[in-house]
Amino acid sequence: MTPIQAVILGILQGITEFLPVSSSGHLEIGKALFGLNMTGDESLTFDVVVHAGTALSTIVVFRRDIGRILAGLLEFRWNKETKFAFYILISMIPAAFIGLVFEDQIAALFDGQLLLVGAMLTLTGILLFLADRARETSKSVHGLDAIVIGLAQAIAILPGVSRSGATISTSVLLGVDREKAARFSFLMVLPIILGKTMLDTKDIIAGQAMGIEVDVTSLLLGLVAAFISGVFACNWMISLVRRAELKYFSYYCFAVAFIVLVSQVLGF
């Protein structure tokens, strides 16, 4: 991977992580267009790094919310912030379990499986289309909601399923206020991404993570590009969710899925 390719893929990750079009699916498509023959572990390692960049974007955009949550936790009582943090903890369980138990199987899915990407982009498009048609969206996230949203996040581990699209759409379909759905969706992934990044950072810097061949310079460029583009995309996505304009992304997902599936069936 060249530095320019790393920057382009980082920008692609930063934009598509927050827009509901599947960052993992677009990364796989981008790698295929560049002709990158990366193993599952190499591909997943780069994905972890650029996801860390978008995690930093989330921290910057939601810094006030995060500050209030931390301040509430330090009061050591059951308040609104403690309850919100508890719901985030509940939502993390399904994805964390699947990620730890099926780590090797997940890595194999990131090895140019474009047929899977096309199918999952179709699923993402369906969820977005249905969410935009939801009308009763006024409540806050509660315990059962957090579990169901967490299951949606676990499914979004598959390349081609948009994490933000799946979790925000699921929240809206459960009746959660659109802006609160976006806020919960973007904050709930932070602990998982940061935890995964901390576990992998040492091996990535040393260049010894399963024999990866991606150099540190490319990884850092990808991270910075994902961070900068992610700040822009996160703010844009919040405004789009508020205005119920997700259906346009469903059309985009359907179009990309069709192109990917046809190209794979015809052997392009």
Foldseek 3Di string as FASTA:
>chain_A
DDLVLLLVLLLLLLQQLQQQFFNLQVSLVSCVVVVPQFALQQQVVLVLLSVVLLLVLLCVQCVVVVVVLVVVVVVVDDDPSNQLVVLLVLLQVLQVVCCVVVVVVLSNLSRNPLLQLLVQLLVLLVLLQVLLVQDQADAADHNVLSNVLSVQQNVSSHGNGRQLSSNLSSNSVVRHHQLNSLNSSSVSCNVVSVVVCVVCVVCVQVCNRVNHDDHPSSSVSSSNSSNVSNNVNSVVSSVCSNVSNSNVSSVVSNVVSVVSNVCVVVVD
